Amino acid sequence: ALVELEVVVMENPHDLKKQLVVEFDSEVGVDEGGLSKEFFQLIVEEMFNPDYGMFIYDTESHTFWFNPTSFESDAQFTLIGIILGLAIYNNVILNLNLPSVIYR
């Protein structure tokens, strides 16, 4: 799904403003917000998973920050920004602890 999102961003960024429709394999249902929220929560959990090393968790401030030793490209971090922007655009509230400087 993330590779397909990259293609959309590169080929037609206006498609990001279309209504998001989420369907899980072998799960029948109408997305009234719950499927979208679950979709974004699952992605965010994976993105901020310490095993990937893109972010570090500060136990003192209880926030995530960019890992300065990450081997990921800038494009990967841009994609994360696009995903978080899509969540906001689709009115999905995520429990994500980032420093306040990120929200400025």
Protein backbone atom coordinates (compact mmCIF):
# COMPACT_ATOMS: atom_id res chain seq x y z
CA ALA A 1 0.00 0.00 0.00
CA LEU A 2 2.84 2.41 0.76
CA VAL A 3 4.47 1.85 -2.62
CA GLU A 4 1.15 2.62 -4.27
CA LEU A 5 0.89 5.79 -2.19
CA GLU A 6 4.31 6.88 -3.44
CA VAL A 7 3.13 6.38 -7.01
CA VAL A 8 0.02 8.50 -6.36
CA VAL A 9 2.12 11.26 -4.82
CA MET A 10 4.48 11.32 -7.79
CA GLU A 11 1.92 10.96 -10.60
CA ASN A 12 -1.13 12.83 -9.35
CA PRO A 13 -0.88 14.50 -5.94
CA HIS A 14 -4.45 15.85 -6.29
CA ASP A 15 -5.69 12.29 -5.78
CA LEU A 16 -4.64 12.62 -2.13
CA LYS A 17 -7.58 14.98 -1.63
CA LYS A 18 -10.12 12.38 -2.69
CA GLN A 19 -12.21 10.56 -0.10
CA LEU A 20 -10.21 7.75 1.47
CA VAL A 21 -11.80 4.32 1.20
CA VAL A 22 -10.29 1.59 3.37
CA GLU A 23 -11.00 -2.09 2.89
CA PHE A 24 -9.23 -4.92 4.68
CA ASP A 25 -8.82 -8.28 2.97
CA SER A 26 -11.54 -10.75 3.97
CA GLU A 27 -13.30 -8.12 6.07
CA VAL A 28 -16.68 -6.93 4.87
CA GLY A 29 -17.93 -3.62 6.12
CA VAL A 30 -18.66 0.00 5.35
CA ASP A 31 -16.00 2.48 6.38
CA GLU A 32 -17.76 4.94 8.66
CA GLY A 33 -14.46 6.10 10.11
CA GLY A 34 -13.51 3.01 12.11
CA LEU A 35 -11.67 1.24 9.30
CA SER A 36 -9.77 4.41 8.39
CA LYS A 37 -8.74 4.94 12.00
CA GLU A 38 -7.62 1.33 12.33
CA PHE A 39 -5.69 1.59 9.04
CA PHE A 40 -3.77 4.67 10.18
CA GLN A 41 -3.17 3.26 13.66
CA LEU A 42 -1.65 0.10 12.21
CA ILE A 43 0.62 2.09 9.90
CA VAL A 44 1.71 4.48 12.65
CA GLU A 45 2.51 1.61 15.01
CA GLU A 46 4.79 0.12 12.35
CA MET A 47 6.41 3.44 11.41
CA PHE A 48 7.33 4.23 14.98
CA ASN A 49 8.34 0.67 15.87
CA PRO A 50 11.83 0.88 17.44
CA ASP A 51 12.92 -2.18 15.42
CA TYR A 52 12.91 -0.05 12.24
CA GLY A 53 15.13 2.61 13.79
CA MET A 54 13.58 5.63 12.10
CA PHE A 55 12.52 7.18 15.40
CA ILE A 56 13.73 7.05 18.96
CA TYR A 57 11.55 7.28 22.04
CA ASP A 58 12.56 9.63 24.83
CA THR A 59 11.38 8.07 28.09
CA GLU A 60 11.81 11.35 29.94
CA SER A 61 9.53 13.45 27.71
CA HIS A 62 7.47 10.45 26.45
CA THR A 63 7.88 11.63 22.86
CA PHE A 64 9.30 10.28 19.62
CA TRP A 65 12.03 12.04 17.65
CA PHE A 66 13.91 11.41 14.43
CA ASN A 67 16.75 8.96 14.88
CA PRO A 68 19.93 10.77 13.77
CA THR A 69 21.59 7.43 12.98
CA SER A 70 18.75 6.15 10.78
CA PHE A 71 19.75 4.80 7.39
CA GLU A 72 16.41 5.72 5.82
CA SER A 73 16.29 8.23 2.97
CA ASP A 74 14.61 11.62 3.11
CA ALA A 75 11.94 10.19 0.81
CA GLN A 76 10.94 7.68 3.53
CA PHE A 77 10.46 10.48 6.05
CA THR A 78 8.53 12.52 3.46
CA LEU A 79 6.24 9.54 2.95
CA ILE A 80 5.62 9.40 6.71
CA GLY A 81 4.69 13.09 6.62
CA ILE A 82 2.26 12.41 3.79
CA ILE A 83 0.66 9.56 5.73
CA LEU A 84 0.23 11.72 8.83
CA GLY A 85 -1.15 14.51 6.65
CA LEU A 86 -3.65 12.09 5.11
CA ALA A 87 -4.81 11.10 8.59
CA ILE A 88 -5.38 14.74 9.49
CA TYR A 89 -7.10 15.47 6.17
CA ASN A 90 -9.43 12.49 6.73
CA ASN A 91 -10.28 13.62 10.29
CA VAL A 92 -8.51 10.67 11.92
CA ILE A 93 -7.12 11.45 15.36
CA LEU A 94 -4.02 9.43 16.20
CA ASN A 95 -2.38 8.93 19.55
CA LEU A 96 1.08 10.05 18.51
CA ASN A 97 3.46 11.66 20.95
CA LEU A 98 5.70 14.09 19.11
CA PRO A 99 7.39 17.21 20.51
CA SER A 100 5.34 20.39 20.08
CA VAL A 101 7.91 21.80 17.63
CA ILE A 102 6.67 19.28 15.04
CA TYR A 103 3.21 20.85 15.04
CA ARG A 104 4.37 24.37 14.20
